[in-house]
């Protein structure tokens, strides 16, 4: 059996908007934990959220968390899940813009 299971997930944080303004980012952290628990079938005490995820969620303060976040979850044999932030890839230019750039 494999030593660890790795998944890259886009977690929507829409539910954080339902919380009062002064608790939205706290709710977003709980939603990240809940999504990891649901998809990797672990308990709350086995989910370890990395500092980079926490900093990304709190980047805009307590009132304005991001609407979604991309994370990498690694589940180890002992049941511990480590969640880390995955920065978004730069957007690809469409083909017309690429051709125009090549022509220049």
C-alpha atoms as a PDB file:
ATOM      1  CA  UNK A   1       0.000   0.000   0.000  1.00  0.00           C
ATOM      2  CA  UNK A   2       1.188   3.532  -0.721  1.00  0.00           C
ATOM      3  CA  UNK A   3       2.772   5.531   2.074  1.00  0.00           C
ATOM      4  CA  UNK A   4       0.709   8.645   1.453  1.00  0.00           C
ATOM      5  CA  UNK A   5      -2.227   9.968  -0.556  1.00  0.00           C
ATOM      6  CA  UNK A   6      -1.878  13.389  -2.198  1.00  0.00           C
ATOM      7  CA  UNK A   7      -4.737  15.483  -3.540  1.00  0.00           C
ATOM      8  CA  UNK A   8      -4.852  18.991  -4.923  1.00  0.00           C
ATOM      9  CA  UNK A   9      -8.235  20.539  -4.229  1.00  0.00           C
ATOM     10  CA  UNK A  10     -10.033  23.793  -4.950  1.00  0.00           C
ATOM     11  CA  UNK A  11     -12.084  24.509  -1.841  1.00  0.00           C
ATOM     12  CA  UNK A  12     -14.998  26.949  -2.235  1.00  0.00           C
ATOM     13  CA  UNK A  13     -15.434  29.277   0.730  1.00  0.00           C
ATOM     14  CA  UNK A  14     -18.886  30.630  -0.132  1.00  0.00           C
ATOM     15  CA  UNK A  15     -20.274  29.684   3.259  1.00  0.00           C
ATOM     16  CA  UNK A  16     -17.960  32.191   4.932  1.00  0.00           C
ATOM     17  CA  UNK A  17     -20.119  34.977   3.485  1.00  0.00           C
ATOM     18  CA  UNK A  18     -23.029  33.705   5.599  1.00  0.00           C
ATOM     19  CA  UNK A  19     -21.121  34.445   8.809  1.00  0.00           C
ATOM     20  CA  UNK A  20     -21.149  37.880  10.449  1.00  0.00           C
ATOM     21  CA  UNK A  21     -18.548  40.246   8.993  1.00  0.00           C
ATOM     22  CA  UNK A  22     -16.400  40.047  12.100  1.00  0.00           C
ATOM     23  CA  UNK A  23     -16.103  36.229  11.856  1.00  0.00           C
ATOM     24  CA  UNK A  24     -15.849  35.461   8.154  1.00  0.00           C
ATOM     25  CA  UNK A  25     -12.220  34.387   8.010  1.00  0.00           C
ATOM     26  CA  UNK A  26     -12.623  32.239  11.112  1.00  0.00           C
ATOM     27  CA  UNK A  27     -15.510  30.509   9.321  1.00  0.00           C
ATOM     28  CA  UNK A  28     -13.356  30.081   6.185  1.00  0.00           C
ATOM     29  CA  UNK A  29     -10.701  28.230   8.216  1.00  0.00           C
ATOM     30  CA  UNK A  30     -13.410  25.927   9.577  1.00  0.00           C
ATOM     31  CA  UNK A  31     -14.680  25.307   6.038  1.00  0.00           C
ATOM     32  CA  UNK A  32     -11.210  24.302   4.843  1.00  0.00           C
ATOM     33  CA  UNK A  33     -10.952  21.845   7.726  1.00  0.00           C
ATOM     34  CA  UNK A  34     -14.466  20.494   7.041  1.00  0.00           C
ATOM     35  CA  UNK A  35     -13.762  19.983   3.324  1.00  0.00           C
ATOM     36  CA  UNK A  36     -10.562  18.063   4.088  1.00  0.00           C
ATOM     37  CA  UNK A  37     -12.383  15.937   6.664  1.00  0.00           C
ATOM     38  CA  UNK A  38     -15.173  15.166   4.195  1.00  0.00           C
ATOM     39  CA  UNK A  39     -12.958  14.267   1.219  1.00  0.00           C
ATOM     40  CA  UNK A  40     -10.174  12.392   3.009  1.00  0.00           C
ATOM     41  CA  UNK A  41     -12.389  10.812   5.693  1.00  0.00           C
ATOM     42  CA  UNK A  42     -10.459  11.876   8.793  1.00  0.00           C
ATOM     43  CA  UNK A  43     -11.372  13.483  12.116  1.00  0.00           C
ATOM     44  CA  UNK A  44     -10.812  17.169  12.913  1.00  0.00           C
ATOM     45  CA  UNK A  45      -7.853  16.463  15.220  1.00  0.00           C
ATOM     46  CA  UNK A  46      -6.020  14.712  12.346  1.00  0.00           C
ATOM     47  CA  UNK A  47      -6.103  17.747  10.021  1.00  0.00           C
ATOM     48  CA  UNK A  48      -3.043  19.996  10.218  1.00  0.00           C
ATOM     49  CA  UNK A  49      -3.386  23.306   8.337  1.00  0.00           C
ATOM     50  CA  UNK A  50      -0.072  24.827   7.259  1.00  0.00           C
ATOM     51  CA  UNK A  51       0.907  28.401   8.052  1.00  0.00           C
ATOM     52  CA  UNK A  52       0.787  29.314   4.342  1.00  0.00           C
ATOM     53  CA  UNK A  53      -2.930  28.421   4.110  1.00  0.00           C
ATOM     54  CA  UNK A  54      -3.694  30.419   7.237  1.00  0.00           C
ATOM     55  CA  UNK A  55      -1.779  33.456   5.930  1.00  0.00           C
ATOM     56  CA  UNK A  56      -3.598  33.309   2.587  1.00  0.00           C
ATOM     57  CA  UNK A  57      -6.989  33.167   4.311  1.00  0.00           C
ATOM     58  CA  UNK A  58      -6.157  36.068   6.634  1.00  0.00           C
ATOM     59  CA  UNK A  59      -4.434  38.137   3.907  1.00  0.00           C
ATOM     60  CA  UNK A  60      -7.370  40.574   3.540  1.00  0.00           C
ATOM     61  CA  UNK A  61      -8.334  40.653   7.201  1.00  0.00           C
ATOM     62  CA  UNK A  62     -11.174  39.125   9.149  1.00  0.00           C
ATOM     63  CA  UNK A  63     -13.960  40.600   7.014  1.00  0.00           C
ATOM     64  CA  UNK A  64     -12.894  39.647   3.503  1.00  0.00           C
ATOM     65  CA  UNK A  65     -11.590  36.082   3.055  1.00  0.00           C
ATOM     66  CA  UNK A  66     -11.011  34.735  -0.469  1.00  0.00           C
ATOM     67  CA  UNK A  67     -13.959  33.096  -2.224  1.00  0.00           C
ATOM     68  CA  UNK A  68     -11.970  29.928  -2.909  1.00  0.00           C
ATOM     69  CA  UNK A  69      -8.527  28.522  -2.204  1.00  0.00           C
ATOM     70  CA  UNK A  70      -6.358  25.880  -3.857  1.00  0.00           C
ATOM     71  CA  UNK A  71      -4.710  23.495  -1.401  1.00  0.00           C
ATOM     72  CA  UNK A  72      -2.632  20.346  -1.459  1.00  0.00           C
ATOM     73  CA  UNK A  73      -3.634  17.693   1.072  1.00  0.00           C
ATOM     74  CA  UNK A  74      -1.263  14.863   1.935  1.00  0.00           C
ATOM     75  CA  UNK A  75      -2.665  11.987   4.011  1.00  0.00           C
ATOM     76  CA  UNK A  76      -0.034   9.882   5.753  1.00  0.00           C
ATOM     77  CA  UNK A  77      -0.307   6.266   6.932  1.00  0.00           C
ATOM     78  CA  UNK A  78      -0.954   7.285  10.541  1.00  0.00           C
ATOM     79  CA  UNK A  79      -4.080   9.217   9.433  1.00  0.00           C
ATOM     80  CA  UNK A  80      -2.605  12.715   9.760  1.00  0.00           C
ATOM     81  CA  UNK A  81      -3.475  15.087   6.899  1.00  0.00           C
ATOM     82  CA  UNK A  82      -1.191  18.030   6.126  1.00  0.00           C
ATOM     83  CA  UNK A  83      -2.822  20.880   4.169  1.00  0.00           C
ATOM     84  CA  UNK A  84      -0.619  23.393   2.335  1.00  0.00           C
ATOM     85  CA  UNK A  85      -1.326  26.294  -0.025  1.00  0.00           C
ATOM     86  CA  UNK A  86      -0.849  25.905  -3.790  1.00  0.00           C
ATOM     87  CA  UNK A  87      -0.349  29.241  -5.589  1.00  0.00           C
ATOM     88  CA  UNK A  88      -2.431  29.638  -8.749  1.00  0.00           C
ATOM     89  CA  UNK A  89      -0.706  29.142 -12.080  1.00  0.00           C
ATOM     90  CA  UNK A  90      -0.380  32.188 -14.328  1.00  0.00           C
ATOM     91  CA  UNK A  91      -3.226  32.394 -16.801  1.00  0.00           C
ATOM     92  CA  UNK A  92      -2.456  31.192 -20.294  1.00  0.00           C
ATOM     93  CA  UNK A  93      -2.782  33.646 -23.139  1.00  0.00           C
ATOM     94  CA  UNK A  94      -5.309  32.677 -25.740  1.00  0.00           C
ATOM     95  CA  UNK A  95      -4.052  31.597 -29.162  1.00  0.00           C
ATOM     96  CA  UNK A  96      -4.722  34.913 -30.906  1.00  0.00           C
ATOM     97  CA  UNK A  97      -2.600  36.831 -28.428  1.00  0.00           C
ATOM     98  CA  UNK A  98       0.169  34.237 -28.700  1.00  0.00           C
ATOM     99  CA  UNK A  99       0.187  34.542 -32.499  1.00  0.00           C
ATOM    100  CA  UNK A 100       0.263  38.327 -32.275  1.00  0.00           C
ATOM    101  CA  UNK A 101       3.208  38.144 -29.895  1.00  0.00           C
ATOM    102  CA  UNK A 102       5.098  35.792 -32.210  1.00  0.00           C
ATOM    103  CA  UNK A 103       4.468  38.063 -35.212  1.00  0.00           C
ATOM    104  CA  UNK A 104       6.077  41.034 -33.446  1.00  0.00           C
END
